[in-house]
Amino acid sequence: MLKHFEYNIYCNEQGDLFKQSGKRLKVDNHSKYSSVTFYNRGHKLTKSVHRLVAECYNGAPVETVHHCNHNTHDYRPCNLANVSRTTHNLIEVKGWQVESNLI
């Protein structure tokens, strides 16, 4: 399991997120992007699952996360690519292809 660089959140190969205690975080799939809510240093935070997974694997903040199969609820690391905003726009608008697992 990999630890997030800023939060006490851990990620496995399937993109599941866990607290430091080992308890799995509950994922909210009711919007376009899946999110989780957790407490960090006494503050309640809600973050996108795909961004947390990408940052766990990257070890640092990421600019833009692209879902290679275009399924926004598939946040496995092998489906995520760390791309620039410009590249992401070209992917979405012009249909460019990106190899998966660039994180």
PDB file of N, CA and C in Angstrom:
ATOM      1  N   MET A   1       0.845  -1.187   0.000  1.00  0.00           N
ATOM      2  CA  MET A   1       0.000   0.000   0.000  1.00  0.00           C
ATOM      3  C   MET A   1       0.885   1.243   0.000  1.00  0.00           C
ATOM      4  N   LEU A   2       0.436   2.248  -0.700  1.00  0.00           N
ATOM      5  CA  LEU A   2       1.166   3.503  -0.779  1.00  0.00           C
ATOM      6  C   LEU A   2       0.457   4.567   0.038  1.00  0.00           C
ATOM      7  N   LYS A   3       1.234   5.423   0.694  1.00  0.00           N
ATOM      8  CA  LYS A   3       0.681   6.483   1.529  1.00  0.00           C
ATOM      9  C   LYS A   3       0.620   7.781   0.732  1.00  0.00           C
ATOM     10  N   HIS A   4      -0.458   8.534   0.937  1.00  0.00           N
ATOM     11  CA  HIS A   4      -0.596   9.844   0.311  1.00  0.00           C
ATOM     12  C   HIS A   4       0.458  10.775   0.903  1.00  0.00           C
ATOM     13  N   PHE A   5       1.031  11.644   0.106  1.00  0.00           N
ATOM     14  CA  PHE A   5       2.113  12.512   0.549  1.00  0.00           C
ATOM     15  C   PHE A   5       1.676  13.537   1.596  1.00  0.00           C
ATOM     16  N   GLU A   6       0.388  13.885   1.652  1.00  0.00           N
ATOM     17  CA  GLU A   6      -0.084  14.937   2.553  1.00  0.00           C
ATOM     18  C   GLU A   6      -1.032  14.431   3.628  1.00  0.00           C
ATOM     19  N   TYR A   7      -1.904  13.500   3.284  1.00  0.00           N
ATOM     20  CA  TYR A   7      -2.921  13.002   4.207  1.00  0.00           C
ATOM     21  C   TYR A   7      -2.551  11.615   4.707  1.00  0.00           C
ATOM     22  N   ASN A   8      -3.112  11.209   5.830  1.00  0.00           N
ATOM     23  CA  ASN A   8      -2.908   9.861   6.348  1.00  0.00           C
ATOM     24  C   ASN A   8      -3.878   8.896   5.673  1.00  0.00           C
ATOM     25  N   ILE A   9      -3.783   8.826   4.358  1.00  0.00           N
ATOM     26  CA  ILE A   9      -4.629   7.979   3.522  1.00  0.00           C
ATOM     27  C   ILE A   9      -3.703   7.028   2.765  1.00  0.00           C
ATOM     28  N   TYR A  10      -4.133   5.784   2.624  1.00  0.00           N
ATOM     29  CA  TYR A  10      -3.352   4.775   1.928  1.00  0.00           C
ATOM     30  C   TYR A  10      -4.157   4.222   0.759  1.00  0.00           C
ATOM     31  N   CYS A  11      -3.459   3.764  -0.271  1.00  0.00           N
ATOM     32  CA  CYS A  11      -4.094   3.272  -1.488  1.00  0.00           C
ATOM     33  C   CYS A  11      -3.493   1.927  -1.876  1.00  0.00           C
ATOM     34  N   ASN A  12      -4.343   1.017  -2.372  1.00  0.00           N
ATOM     35  CA  ASN A  12      -3.834  -0.264  -2.872  1.00  0.00           C
ATOM     36  C   ASN A  12      -3.907  -0.292  -4.396  1.00  0.00           C
ATOM     37  N   GLU A  13      -3.557  -1.429  -4.991  1.00  0.00           N
ATOM     38  CA  GLU A  13      -3.499  -1.564  -6.453  1.00  0.00           C
ATOM     39  C   GLU A  13      -4.858  -1.468  -7.134  1.00  0.00           C
ATOM     40  N   GLN A  14      -5.939  -1.702  -6.381  1.00  0.00           N
ATOM     41  CA  GLN A  14      -7.281  -1.618  -6.954  1.00  0.00           C
ATOM     42  C   GLN A  14      -7.869  -0.217  -6.839  1.00  0.00           C
ATOM     43  N   GLY A  15      -7.130   0.714  -6.231  1.00  0.00           N
ATOM     44  CA  GLY A  15      -7.614   2.077  -6.076  1.00  0.00           C
ATOM     45  C   GLY A  15      -8.463   2.279  -4.836  1.00  0.00           C
ATOM     46  N   ASP A  16      -8.480   1.284  -3.933  1.00  0.00           N
ATOM     47  CA  ASP A  16      -9.216   1.434  -2.683  1.00  0.00           C
ATOM     48  C   ASP A  16      -8.416   2.324  -1.736  1.00  0.00           C
ATOM     49  N   LEU A  17      -9.120   3.167  -0.996  1.00  0.00           N
ATOM     50  CA  LEU A  17      -8.475   4.081  -0.055  1.00  0.00           C
ATOM     51  C   LEU A  17      -8.778   3.657   1.375  1.00  0.00           C
ATOM     52  N   PHE A  18      -7.774   3.761   2.228  1.00  0.00           N
ATOM     53  CA  PHE A  18      -7.882   3.324   3.608  1.00  0.00           C
ATOM     54  C   PHE A  18      -7.373   4.393   4.568  1.00  0.00           C
ATOM     55  N   LYS A  19      -7.954   4.422   5.768  1.00  0.00           N
ATOM     56  CA  LYS A  19      -7.442   5.264   6.840  1.00  0.00           C
ATOM     57  C   LYS A  19      -6.179   4.611   7.391  1.00  0.00           C
ATOM     58  N   GLN A  20      -5.469   5.359   8.222  1.00  0.00           N
ATOM     59  CA  GLN A  20      -4.256   4.843   8.840  1.00  0.00           C
ATOM     60  C   GLN A  20      -4.570   3.606   9.691  1.00  0.00           C
ATOM     61  N   SER A  21      -5.770   3.551  10.251  1.00  0.00           N
ATOM     62  CA  SER A  21      -6.189   2.417  11.083  1.00  0.00           C
ATOM     63  C   SER A  21      -6.435   1.152  10.263  1.00  0.00           C
ATOM     64  N   GLY A  22      -6.487   1.276   8.943  1.00  0.00           N
ATOM     65  CA  GLY A  22      -6.745   0.136   8.068  1.00  0.00           C
ATOM     66  C   GLY A  22      -8.190   0.049   7.608  1.00  0.00           C
ATOM     67  N   LYS A  23      -9.052   0.925   8.146  1.00  0.00           N
ATOM     68  CA  LYS A  23     -10.461   0.927   7.757  1.00  0.00           C
ATOM     69  C   LYS A  23     -10.610   1.556   6.372  1.00  0.00           C
ATOM     70  N   ARG A  24     -11.379   0.893   5.513  1.00  0.00           N
ATOM     71  CA  ARG A  24     -11.586   1.375   4.150  1.00  0.00           C
ATOM     72  C   ARG A  24     -12.498   2.602   4.158  1.00  0.00           C
ATOM     73  N   LEU A  25     -12.151   3.605   3.355  1.00  0.00           N
ATOM     74  CA  LEU A  25     -12.977   4.808   3.235  1.00  0.00           C
ATOM     75  C   LEU A  25     -14.188   4.519   2.365  1.00  0.00           C
ATOM     76  N   LYS A  26     -15.330   5.049   2.766  1.00  0.00           N
ATOM     77  CA  LYS A  26     -16.569   4.868   2.014  1.00  0.00           C
ATOM     78  C   LYS A  26     -16.571   5.825   0.813  1.00  0.00           C
ATOM     79  N   VAL A  27     -16.818   5.280  -0.356  1.00  0.00           N
ATOM     80  CA  VAL A  27     -16.804   6.051  -1.596  1.00  0.00           C
ATOM     81  C   VAL A  27     -18.222   6.485  -1.938  1.00  0.00           C
ATOM     82  N   ASP A  28     -18.375   7.767  -2.265  1.00  0.00           N
ATOM     83  CA  ASP A  28     -19.656   8.321  -2.706  1.00  0.00           C
ATOM     84  C   ASP A  28     -19.638   8.391  -4.232  1.00  0.00           C
ATOM     85  N   ASN A  29     -20.493   7.612  -4.881  1.00  0.00           N
ATOM     86  CA  ASN A  29     -20.547   7.549  -6.352  1.00  0.00           C
ATOM     87  C   ASN A  29     -21.729   8.308  -6.931  1.00  0.00           C
ATOM     88  N   HIS A  30     -22.293   9.251  -6.199  1.00  0.00           N
ATOM     89  CA  HIS A  30     -23.510   9.917  -6.654  1.00  0.00           C
ATOM     90  C   HIS A  30     -23.283  11.071  -7.630  1.00  0.00           C
ATOM     91  N   SER A  31     -22.058  11.486  -7.814  1.00  0.00           N
ATOM     92  CA  SER A  31     -21.788  12.563  -8.769  1.00  0.00           C
ATOM     93  C   SER A  31     -20.956  12.001  -9.923  1.00  0.00           C
ATOM     94  N   LYS A  32     -20.537  12.857 -10.841  1.00  0.00           N
ATOM     95  CA  LYS A  32     -19.764  12.404 -12.000  1.00  0.00           C
ATOM     96  C   LYS A  32     -18.466  11.726 -11.563  1.00  0.00           C
ATOM     97  N   TYR A  33     -17.815  12.274 -10.543  1.00  0.00           N
ATOM     98  CA  TYR A  33     -16.568  11.717 -10.031  1.00  0.00           C
ATOM     99  C   TYR A  33     -16.780  11.189  -8.626  1.00  0.00           C
ATOM    100  N   SER A  34     -16.277   9.995  -8.343  1.00  0.00           N
ATOM    101  CA  SER A  34     -16.380   9.401  -7.015  1.00  0.00           C
ATOM    102  C   SER A  34     -15.570  10.235  -6.030  1.00  0.00           C
ATOM    103  N   SER A  35     -16.084  10.354  -4.794  1.00  0.00           N
ATOM    104  CA  SER A  35     -15.381  11.134  -3.777  1.00  0.00           C
ATOM    105  C   SER A  35     -15.412  10.408  -2.443  1.00  0.00           C
ATOM    106  N   VAL A  36     -14.529  10.823  -1.553  1.00  0.00           N
ATOM    107  CA  VAL A  36     -14.499  10.324  -0.186  1.00  0.00           C
ATOM    108  C   VAL A  36     -14.427  11.516   0.755  1.00  0.00           C
ATOM    109  N   THR A  37     -14.992  11.342   1.942  1.00  0.00           N
ATOM    110  CA  THR A  37     -14.926  12.375   2.973  1.00  0.00           C
ATOM    111  C   THR A  37     -14.175  11.789   4.161  1.00  0.00           C
ATOM    112  N   PHE A  38     -13.217  12.551   4.677  1.00  0.00           N
ATOM    113  CA  PHE A  38     -12.415  12.093   5.797  1.00  0.00           C
ATOM    114  C   PHE A  38     -11.946  13.302   6.602  1.00  0.00           C
ATOM    115  N   TYR A  39     -11.398  13.034   7.774  1.00  0.00           N
ATOM    116  CA  TYR A  39     -10.866  14.094   8.630  1.00  0.00           C
ATOM    117  C   TYR A  39      -9.353  14.071   8.569  1.00  0.00           C
ATOM    118  N   ASN A  40      -8.763  15.252   8.460  1.00  0.00           N
ATOM    119  CA  ASN A  40      -7.316  15.399   8.474  1.00  0.00           C
ATOM    120  C   ASN A  40      -6.970  16.573   9.384  1.00  0.00           C
ATOM    121  N   ARG A  41      -6.272  16.275  10.469  1.00  0.00           N
ATOM    122  CA  ARG A  41      -5.883  17.294  11.462  1.00  0.00           C
ATOM    123  C   ARG A  41      -7.096  18.081  11.956  1.00  0.00           C
ATOM    124  N   GLY A  42      -8.193  17.377  12.171  1.00  0.00           N
ATOM    125  CA  GLY A  42      -9.396  17.989  12.717  1.00  0.00           C
ATOM    126  C   GLY A  42     -10.281  18.700  11.713  1.00  0.00           C
ATOM    127  N   HIS A  43      -9.907  18.680  10.450  1.00  0.00           N
ATOM    128  CA  HIS A  43     -10.696  19.326   9.404  1.00  0.00           C
ATOM    129  C   HIS A  43     -11.360  18.268   8.524  1.00  0.00           C
ATOM    130  N   LYS A  44     -12.643  18.463   8.236  1.00  0.00           N
ATOM    131  CA  LYS A  44     -13.374  17.553   7.368  1.00  0.00           C
ATOM    132  C   LYS A  44     -13.078  17.912   5.914  1.00  0.00           C
ATOM    133  N   LEU A  45     -12.629  16.929   5.150  1.00  0.00           N
ATOM    134  CA  LEU A  45     -12.272  17.137   3.750  1.00  0.00           C
ATOM    135  C   LEU A  45     -13.050  16.183   2.858  1.00  0.00           C
ATOM    136  N   THR A  46     -13.441  16.652   1.694  1.00  0.00           N
ATOM    137  CA  THR A  46     -14.028  15.807   0.659  1.00  0.00           C
ATOM    138  C   THR A  46     -13.148  15.945  -0.570  1.00  0.00           C
ATOM    139  N   LYS A  47     -12.635  14.819  -1.053  1.00  0.00           N
ATOM    140  CA  LYS A  47     -11.712  14.825  -2.189  1.00  0.00           C
ATOM    141  C   LYS A  47     -12.133  13.783  -3.218  1.00  0.00           C
ATOM    142  N   SER A  48     -11.765  13.999  -4.453  1.00  0.00           N
ATOM    143  CA  SER A  48     -12.021  13.043  -5.530  1.00  0.00           C
ATOM    144  C   SER A  48     -11.125  11.824  -5.347  1.00  0.00           C
ATOM    145  N   VAL A  49     -11.724  10.646  -5.513  1.00  0.00           N
ATOM    146  CA  VAL A  49     -10.980   9.407  -5.331  1.00  0.00           C
ATOM    147  C   VAL A  49      -9.858   9.299  -6.359  1.00  0.00           C
ATOM    148  N   HIS A  50     -10.148   9.604  -7.629  1.00  0.00           N
ATOM    149  CA  HIS A  50      -9.126   9.456  -8.661  1.00  0.00           C
ATOM    150  C   HIS A  50      -7.920  10.353  -8.400  1.00  0.00           C
ATOM    151  N   ARG A  51      -8.146  11.534  -7.859  1.00  0.00           N
ATOM    152  CA  ARG A  51      -7.036  12.442  -7.555  1.00  0.00           C
ATOM    153  C   ARG A  51      -6.200  11.914  -6.393  1.00  0.00           C
ATOM    154  N   LEU A  52      -6.853  11.406  -5.344  1.00  0.00           N
ATOM    155  CA  LEU A  52      -6.118  10.843  -4.206  1.00  0.00           C
ATOM    156  C   LEU A  52      -5.294   9.629  -4.628  1.00  0.00           C
ATOM    157  N   VAL A  53      -5.884   8.760  -5.443  1.00  0.00           N
ATOM    158  CA  VAL A  53      -5.163   7.576  -5.922  1.00  0.00           C
ATOM    159  C   VAL A  53      -3.958   8.002  -6.759  1.00  0.00           C
ATOM    160  N   ALA A  54      -4.156   8.938  -7.662  1.00  0.00           N
ATOM    161  CA  ALA A  54      -3.060   9.416  -8.516  1.00  0.00           C
ATOM    162  C   ALA A  54      -1.947  10.037  -7.675  1.00  0.00           C
ATOM    163  N   GLU A  55      -2.318  10.802  -6.656  1.00  0.00           N
ATOM    164  CA  GLU A  55      -1.306  11.441  -5.811  1.00  0.00           C
ATOM    165  C   GLU A  55      -0.579  10.431  -4.932  1.00  0.00           C
ATOM    166  N   CYS A  56      -1.266   9.371  -4.510  1.00  0.00           N
ATOM    167  CA  CYS A  56      -0.591   8.299  -3.757  1.00  0.00           C
ATOM    168  C   CYS A  56       0.487   7.654  -4.621  1.00  0.00           C
ATOM    169  N   TYR A  57       0.156   7.349  -5.867  1.00  0.00           N
ATOM    170  CA  TYR A  57       1.101   6.676  -6.751  1.00  0.00           C
ATOM    171  C   TYR A  57       2.172   7.618  -7.285  1.00  0.00           C
ATOM    172  N   ASN A  58       1.845   8.890  -7.441  1.00  0.00           N
ATOM    173  CA  ASN A  58       2.811   9.863  -7.942  1.00  0.00           C
ATOM    174  C   ASN A  58       3.745  10.345  -6.832  1.00  0.00           C
ATOM    175  N   GLY A  59       3.243  10.361  -5.596  1.00  0.00           N
ATOM    176  CA  GLY A  59       4.043  10.834  -4.467  1.00  0.00           C
ATOM    177  C   GLY A  59       4.082  12.345  -4.366  1.00  0.00           C
ATOM    178  N   ALA A  60       3.280  13.027  -5.151  1.00  0.00           N
ATOM    179  CA  ALA A  60       3.244  14.488  -5.184  1.00  0.00           C
ATOM    180  C   ALA A  60       1.923  14.917  -5.815  1.00  0.00           C
ATOM    181  N   PRO A  61       1.612  16.216  -5.754  1.00  0.00           N
ATOM    182  CA  PRO A  61       0.383  16.688  -6.411  1.00  0.00           C
ATOM    183  C   PRO A  61       0.431  16.425  -7.917  1.00  0.00           C
ATOM    184  N   VAL A  62      -0.726  16.210  -8.499  1.00  0.00           N
ATOM    185  CA  VAL A  62      -0.817  16.004  -9.944  1.00  0.00           C
ATOM    186  C   VAL A  62      -1.631  17.143 -10.544  1.00  0.00           C
ATOM    187  N   GLU A  63      -1.308  17.508 -11.787  1.00  0.00           N
ATOM    188  CA  GLU A  63      -2.011  18.625 -12.432  1.00  0.00           C
ATOM    189  C   GLU A  63      -3.414  18.207 -12.857  1.00  0.00           C
ATOM    190  N   THR A  64      -3.493  17.216 -13.734  1.00  0.00           N
ATOM    191  CA  THR A  64      -4.777  16.738 -14.239  1.00  0.00           C
ATOM    192  C   THR A  64      -4.717  15.217 -14.331  1.00  0.00           C
ATOM    193  N   VAL A  65      -5.789  14.565 -13.927  1.00  0.00           N
ATOM    194  CA  VAL A  65      -5.861  13.103 -13.980  1.00  0.00           C
ATOM    195  C   VAL A  65      -6.837  12.721 -15.088  1.00  0.00           C
ATOM    196  N   HIS A  66      -6.364  11.888 -16.006  1.00  0.00           N
ATOM    197  CA  HIS A  66      -7.198  11.416 -17.109  1.00  0.00           C
ATOM    198  C   HIS A  66      -7.581   9.964 -16.877  1.00  0.00           C
ATOM    199  N   HIS A  67      -8.866   9.630 -17.053  1.00  0.00           N
ATOM    200  CA  HIS A  67      -9.344   8.254 -16.987  1.00  0.00           C
ATOM    201  C   HIS A  67      -9.199   7.665 -18.390  1.00  0.00           C
ATOM    202  N   CYS A  68      -8.275   6.746 -18.566  1.00  0.00           N
ATOM    203  CA  CYS A  68      -7.949   6.229 -19.896  1.00  0.00           C
ATOM    204  C   CYS A  68      -9.118   5.538 -20.581  1.00  0.00           C
ATOM    205  N   ASN A  69      -9.974   4.848 -19.818  1.00  0.00           N
ATOM    206  CA  ASN A  69     -11.124   4.183 -20.442  1.00  0.00           C
ATOM    207  C   ASN A  69     -12.382   5.055 -20.394  1.00  0.00           C
ATOM    208  N   HIS A  70     -12.240   6.304 -19.967  1.00  0.00           N
ATOM    209  CA  HIS A  70     -13.308   7.308 -19.904  1.00  0.00           C
ATOM    210  C   HIS A  70     -14.421   6.956 -18.919  1.00  0.00           C
ATOM    211  N   ASN A  71     -14.190   5.958 -18.063  1.00  0.00           N
ATOM    212  CA  ASN A  71     -15.134   5.606 -17.006  1.00  0.00           C
ATOM    213  C   ASN A  71     -14.676   6.332 -15.742  1.00  0.00           C
ATOM    214  N   THR A  72     -15.386   7.388 -15.358  1.00  0.00           N
ATOM    215  CA  THR A  72     -14.952   8.223 -14.235  1.00  0.00           C
ATOM    216  C   THR A  72     -15.092   7.533 -12.885  1.00  0.00           C
ATOM    217  N   HIS A  73     -15.760   6.389 -12.837  1.00  0.00           N
ATOM    218  CA  HIS A  73     -15.875   5.635 -11.589  1.00  0.00           C
ATOM    219  C   HIS A  73     -14.876   4.481 -11.529  1.00  0.00           C
ATOM    220  N   ASP A  74     -13.990   4.402 -12.496  1.00  0.00           N
ATOM    221  CA  ASP A  74     -12.907   3.407 -12.498  1.00  0.00           C
ATOM    222  C   ASP A  74     -11.629   4.130 -12.101  1.00  0.00           C
ATOM    223  N   TYR A  75     -11.279   4.070 -10.830  1.00  0.00           N
ATOM    224  CA  TYR A  75     -10.141   4.827 -10.324  1.00  0.00           C
ATOM    225  C   TYR A  75      -8.961   3.922  -9.965  1.00  0.00           C
ATOM    226  N   ARG A  76      -8.861   2.773 -10.658  1.00  0.00           N
ATOM    227  CA  ARG A  76      -7.677   1.929 -10.490  1.00  0.00           C
ATOM    228  C   ARG A  76      -6.476   2.674 -11.064  1.00  0.00           C
ATOM    229  N   PRO A  77      -5.306   2.549 -10.440  1.00  0.00           N
ATOM    230  CA  PRO A  77      -4.118   3.252 -10.943  1.00  0.00           C
ATOM    231  C   PRO A  77      -3.791   2.924 -12.396  1.00  0.00           C
ATOM    232  N   CYS A  78      -4.077   1.698 -12.843  1.00  0.00           N
ATOM    233  CA  CYS A  78      -3.773   1.334 -14.225  1.00  0.00           C
ATOM    234  C   CYS A  78      -4.688   2.036 -15.224  1.00  0.00           C
ATOM    235  N   ASN A  79      -5.742   2.702 -14.746  1.00  0.00           N
ATOM    236  CA  ASN A  79      -6.660   3.430 -15.625  1.00  0.00           C
ATOM    237  C   ASN A  79      -6.424   4.939 -15.573  1.00  0.00           C
ATOM    238  N   LEU A  80      -5.504   5.391 -14.742  1.00  0.00           N
ATOM    239  CA  LEU A  80      -5.285   6.827 -14.555  1.00  0.00           C
ATOM    240  C   LEU A  80      -3.980   7.276 -15.190  1.00  0.00           C
ATOM    241  N   ALA A  81      -4.002   8.454 -15.763  1.00  0.00           N
ATOM    242  CA  ALA A  81      -2.796   9.038 -16.348  1.00  0.00           C
ATOM    243  C   ALA A  81      -2.659  10.471 -15.853  1.00  0.00           C
ATOM    244  N   ASN A  82      -1.462  10.826 -15.423  1.00  0.00           N
ATOM    245  CA  ASN A  82      -1.146  12.183 -15.001  1.00  0.00           C
ATOM    246  C   ASN A  82      -0.739  12.964 -16.247  1.00  0.00           C
ATOM    247  N   VAL A  83      -1.577  13.912 -16.667  1.00  0.00           N
ATOM    248  CA  VAL A  83      -1.317  14.673 -17.890  1.00  0.00           C
ATOM    249  C   VAL A  83      -1.452  16.172 -17.597  1.00  0.00           C
ATOM    250  N   SER A  84      -0.923  16.971 -18.491  1.00  0.00           N
ATOM    251  CA  SER A  84      -1.098  18.417 -18.360  1.00  0.00           C
ATOM    252  C   SER A  84      -2.530  18.777 -18.754  1.00  0.00           C
ATOM    253  N   ARG A  85      -2.952  19.949 -18.375  1.00  0.00           N
ATOM    254  CA  ARG A  85      -4.298  20.410 -18.720  1.00  0.00           C
ATOM    255  C   ARG A  85      -4.455  20.512 -20.238  1.00  0.00           C
ATOM    256  N   THR A  86      -3.421  20.985 -20.918  1.00  0.00           N
ATOM    257  CA  THR A  86      -3.448  21.117 -22.374  1.00  0.00           C
ATOM    258  C   THR A  86      -3.599  19.755 -23.038  1.00  0.00           C
ATOM    259  N   THR A  87      -2.805  18.779 -22.587  1.00  0.00           N
ATOM    260  CA  THR A  87      -2.891  17.432 -23.141  1.00  0.00           C
ATOM    261  C   THR A  87      -4.265  16.832 -22.888  1.00  0.00           C
ATOM    262  N   HIS A  88      -4.813  17.057 -21.688  1.00  0.00           N
ATOM    263  CA  HIS A  88      -6.130  16.511 -21.369  1.00  0.00           C
ATOM    264  C   HIS A  88      -7.194  17.096 -22.291  1.00  0.00           C
ATOM    265  N   ASN A  89      -7.112  18.382 -22.582  1.00  0.00           N
ATOM    266  CA  ASN A  89      -8.064  19.001 -23.511  1.00  0.00           C
ATOM    267  C   ASN A  89      -7.955  18.383 -24.896  1.00  0.00           C
ATOM    268  N   LEU A  90      -6.741  18.095 -25.359  1.00  0.00           N
ATOM    269  CA  LEU A  90      -6.557  17.462 -26.659  1.00  0.00           C
ATOM    270  C   LEU A  90      -7.121  16.044 -26.667  1.00  0.00           C
ATOM    271  N   ILE A  91      -6.979  15.348 -25.554  1.00  0.00           N
ATOM    272  CA  ILE A  91      -7.531  13.996 -25.443  1.00  0.00           C
ATOM    273  C   ILE A  91      -9.049  14.044 -25.531  1.00  0.00           C
ATOM    274  N   GLU A  92      -9.650  14.941 -24.766  1.00  0.00           N
ATOM    275  CA  GLU A  92     -11.109  15.009 -24.690  1.00  0.00           C
ATOM    276  C   GLU A  92     -11.738  15.586 -25.955  1.00  0.00           C
ATOM    277  N   VAL A  93     -11.130  16.615 -26.532  1.00  0.00           N
ATOM    278  CA  VAL A  93     -11.721  17.296 -27.686  1.00  0.00           C
ATOM    279  C   VAL A  93     -11.358  16.612 -29.006  1.00  0.00           C
ATOM    280  N   LYS A  94     -10.093  16.253 -29.174  1.00  0.00           N
ATOM    281  CA  LYS A  94      -9.639  15.706 -30.456  1.00  0.00           C
ATOM    282  C   LYS A  94      -9.538  14.189 -30.468  1.00  0.00           C
ATOM    283  N   GLY A  95      -9.817  13.555 -29.337  1.00  0.00           N
ATOM    284  CA  GLY A  95      -9.793  12.093 -29.305  1.00  0.00           C
ATOM    285  C   GLY A  95      -8.415  11.480 -29.266  1.00  0.00           C
ATOM    286  N   TRP A  96      -7.412  12.218 -28.830  1.00  0.00           N
ATOM    287  CA  TRP A  96      -6.071  11.649 -28.720  1.00  0.00           C
ATOM    288  C   TRP A  96      -6.099  10.474 -27.772  1.00  0.00           C
ATOM    289  N   GLN A  97      -5.226   9.514 -28.000  1.00  0.00           N
ATOM    290  CA  GLN A  97      -5.122   8.340 -27.123  1.00  0.00           C
ATOM    291  C   GLN A  97      -3.917   8.511 -26.193  1.00  0.00           C
ATOM    292  N   VAL A  98      -4.082   8.012 -24.979  1.00  0.00           N
ATOM    293  CA  VAL A  98      -3.011   8.070 -23.984  1.00  0.00           C
ATOM    294  C   VAL A  98      -2.854   6.681 -23.408  1.00  0.00           C
ATOM    295  N   GLU A  99      -1.611   6.265 -23.233  1.00  0.00           N
ATOM    296  CA  GLU A  99      -1.374   4.963 -22.603  1.00  0.00           C
ATOM    297  C   GLU A  99      -1.805   5.024 -21.149  1.00  0.00           C
ATOM    298  N   SER A 100      -2.350   3.933 -20.663  1.00  0.00           N
ATOM    299  CA  SER A 100      -2.778   3.899 -19.266  1.00  0.00           C
ATOM    300  C   SER A 100      -1.579   3.781 -18.351  1.00  0.00           C
ATOM    301  N   ASN A 101      -1.830   4.018 -17.095  1.00  0.00           N
ATOM    302  CA  ASN A 101      -0.858   3.852 -16.027  1.00  0.00           C
ATOM    303  C   ASN A 101       0.390   4.722 -16.218  1.00  0.00           C
ATOM    304  N   LEU A 102       0.202   5.965 -16.550  1.00  0.00           N
ATOM    305  CA  LEU A 102       1.315   6.889 -16.657  1.00  0.00           C
ATOM    306  C   LEU A 102       1.657   7.543 -15.333  1.00  0.00           C
ATOM    307  N   ILE A 103       0.948   7.157 -14.305  1.00  0.00           N
ATOM    308  CA  ILE A 103       1.194   7.748 -12.985  1.00  0.00           C
ATOM    309  C   ILE A 103       2.435   7.165 -12.395  1.00  0.00           C
TER     310      ILE A 103
END
